[in-house]
């Protein structure tokens, strides 16, 4: 499964390999390198929608 992820004006296409994060209420974990690419390292958690 692939997902297009946008944050703060930057976009990246990510391959979703695992949909079971270890924290309740979260849907996916973004890799560190993908989080760096879109500039969300400081915020850590963001709201997303999957289709």
N, C-alpha and C. Protein backbone atom coordinates (compact mmCIF):
# COMPACT_ATOMS: atom_id res chain seq x y z
N UNK A 1 0.84 -1.16 0.00
CA UNK A 1 0.00 0.00 0.00
C UNK A 1 0.89 1.24 0.00
N UNK A 2 0.52 2.21 -0.81
CA UNK A 2 1.25 3.47 -0.89
C UNK A 2 0.36 4.60 -0.41
N UNK A 3 0.96 5.64 0.15
CA UNK A 3 0.21 6.80 0.60
C UNK A 3 0.97 8.07 0.26
N UNK A 4 0.25 9.07 -0.21
CA UNK A 4 0.85 10.39 -0.41
C UNK A 4 0.66 11.16 0.90
N UNK A 5 1.72 11.70 1.42
CA UNK A 5 1.70 12.39 2.71
C UNK A 5 2.18 13.81 2.52
N UNK A 6 1.40 14.78 2.98
CA UNK A 6 1.77 16.19 2.86
C UNK A 6 1.78 16.83 4.24
N UNK A 7 2.75 17.69 4.46
CA UNK A 7 2.84 18.42 5.73
C UNK A 7 3.66 19.67 5.48
N UNK A 8 3.20 20.78 5.97
CA UNK A 8 3.88 22.09 5.89
C UNK A 8 4.36 22.42 4.47
N UNK A 9 3.50 22.13 3.49
CA UNK A 9 3.83 22.48 2.11
C UNK A 9 4.74 21.52 1.39
N UNK A 10 5.15 20.45 2.04
CA UNK A 10 6.01 19.44 1.41
C UNK A 10 5.23 18.14 1.27
N UNK A 11 5.55 17.37 0.25
CA UNK A 11 4.85 16.10 0.01
C UNK A 11 5.85 14.98 -0.23
N UNK A 12 5.41 13.77 0.10
CA UNK A 12 6.23 12.59 -0.13
C UNK A 12 5.29 11.41 -0.37
N UNK A 13 5.70 10.47 -1.18
CA UNK A 13 4.95 9.23 -1.38
C UNK A 13 5.64 8.16 -0.55
N UNK A 14 4.88 7.55 0.36
CA UNK A 14 5.44 6.56 1.29
C UNK A 14 4.80 5.21 1.06
N UNK A 15 5.58 4.19 1.23
CA UNK A 15 5.06 2.82 1.20
C UNK A 15 4.72 2.44 2.63
N UNK A 16 3.48 2.04 2.85
CA UNK A 16 3.05 1.63 4.19
C UNK A 16 3.33 0.14 4.33
N UNK A 17 4.21 -0.19 5.25
CA UNK A 17 4.59 -1.59 5.43
C UNK A 17 3.99 -2.19 6.70
N UNK A 18 3.52 -1.35 7.61
CA UNK A 18 3.02 -1.84 8.89
C UNK A 18 1.99 -0.86 9.40
N UNK A 19 0.81 -1.34 9.77
CA UNK A 19 -0.23 -0.45 10.26
C UNK A 19 -0.56 -0.75 11.71
N UNK A 20 0.39 -1.08 12.53
CA UNK A 20 0.09 -1.32 13.93
C UNK A 20 1.08 -0.59 14.83
N UNK A 21 0.86 0.71 15.02
CA UNK A 21 1.75 1.43 15.93
C UNK A 21 1.54 0.95 17.36
N UNK A 22 2.46 1.24 18.20
CA UNK A 22 2.43 0.74 19.56
C UNK A 22 1.73 1.69 20.53
N UNK A 23 1.16 2.77 20.04
CA UNK A 23 0.48 3.74 20.91
C UNK A 23 -0.98 3.83 20.48
N UNK A 24 -1.89 3.69 21.42
CA UNK A 24 -3.32 3.70 21.15
C UNK A 24 -3.76 5.02 20.49
N UNK A 25 -4.64 4.92 19.51
CA UNK A 25 -5.16 6.10 18.84
C UNK A 25 -4.36 6.54 17.62
N UNK A 26 -3.28 5.87 17.36
CA UNK A 26 -2.47 6.19 16.18
C UNK A 26 -2.68 5.12 15.12
N UNK A 27 -2.57 5.51 13.86
CA UNK A 27 -2.89 4.60 12.76
C UNK A 27 -1.64 4.05 12.09
N UNK A 28 -0.66 4.91 11.81
CA UNK A 28 0.57 4.48 11.15
C UNK A 28 1.77 5.15 11.81
N UNK A 29 2.91 4.58 11.63
CA UNK A 29 4.18 5.19 12.04
C UNK A 29 4.92 5.58 10.77
N UNK A 30 5.34 6.81 10.69
CA UNK A 30 6.13 7.29 9.56
C UNK A 30 7.60 7.08 9.88
N UNK A 31 8.37 6.64 8.91
CA UNK A 31 9.79 6.44 9.16
C UNK A 31 10.47 7.77 9.46
N UNK A 32 11.59 7.71 10.14
CA UNK A 32 12.34 8.92 10.49
C UNK A 32 12.76 9.66 9.23
N UNK A 33 13.22 8.94 8.21
CA UNK A 33 13.66 9.62 6.99
C UNK A 33 12.50 10.30 6.27
N UNK A 34 11.32 9.68 6.26
CA UNK A 34 10.15 10.31 5.65
C UNK A 34 9.71 11.54 6.45
N UNK A 35 9.75 11.45 7.77
CA UNK A 35 9.39 12.60 8.62
C UNK A 35 10.35 13.76 8.39
N UNK A 36 11.61 13.47 8.21
CA UNK A 36 12.59 14.52 7.91
C UNK A 36 12.30 15.18 6.56
N UNK A 37 11.94 14.37 5.56
CA UNK A 37 11.67 14.89 4.22
C UNK A 37 10.54 15.90 4.20
N UNK A 38 9.52 15.70 5.02
CA UNK A 38 8.38 16.63 5.03
C UNK A 38 8.48 17.65 6.16
N UNK A 39 9.53 17.59 6.96
CA UNK A 39 9.76 18.60 7.99
C UNK A 39 8.89 18.50 9.22
N UNK A 40 8.53 17.28 9.63
CA UNK A 40 7.68 17.14 10.81
C UNK A 40 8.40 16.55 12.02
N UNK A 41 9.70 16.58 12.03
CA UNK A 41 10.45 16.02 13.15
C UNK A 41 10.16 16.74 14.47
N UNK A 42 9.97 18.04 14.43
CA UNK A 42 9.73 18.80 15.66
C UNK A 42 8.35 18.51 16.24
N UNK A 43 7.33 18.36 15.39
CA UNK A 43 5.98 18.14 15.90
C UNK A 43 5.75 16.70 16.34
N UNK A 44 6.38 15.75 15.69
CA UNK A 44 6.31 14.36 16.11
C UNK A 44 5.04 13.62 15.73
N UNK A 45 3.87 14.18 16.01
CA UNK A 45 2.60 13.53 15.73
C UNK A 45 1.72 14.51 14.96
N UNK A 46 1.15 14.04 13.86
CA UNK A 46 0.23 14.88 13.07
C UNK A 46 -0.99 14.07 12.68
N UNK A 47 -2.08 14.76 12.40
CA UNK A 47 -3.32 14.11 11.96
C UNK A 47 -3.20 13.79 10.47
N UNK A 48 -3.58 12.57 10.10
CA UNK A 48 -3.57 12.15 8.70
C UNK A 48 -4.90 11.51 8.35
N UNK A 49 -5.15 11.35 7.06
CA UNK A 49 -6.31 10.57 6.62
C UNK A 49 -5.82 9.57 5.58
N UNK A 50 -6.31 8.36 5.69
CA UNK A 50 -5.96 7.30 4.74
C UNK A 50 -7.19 6.97 3.92
N UNK A 51 -6.99 6.78 2.63
CA UNK A 51 -8.11 6.42 1.75
C UNK A 51 -7.86 5.08 1.12
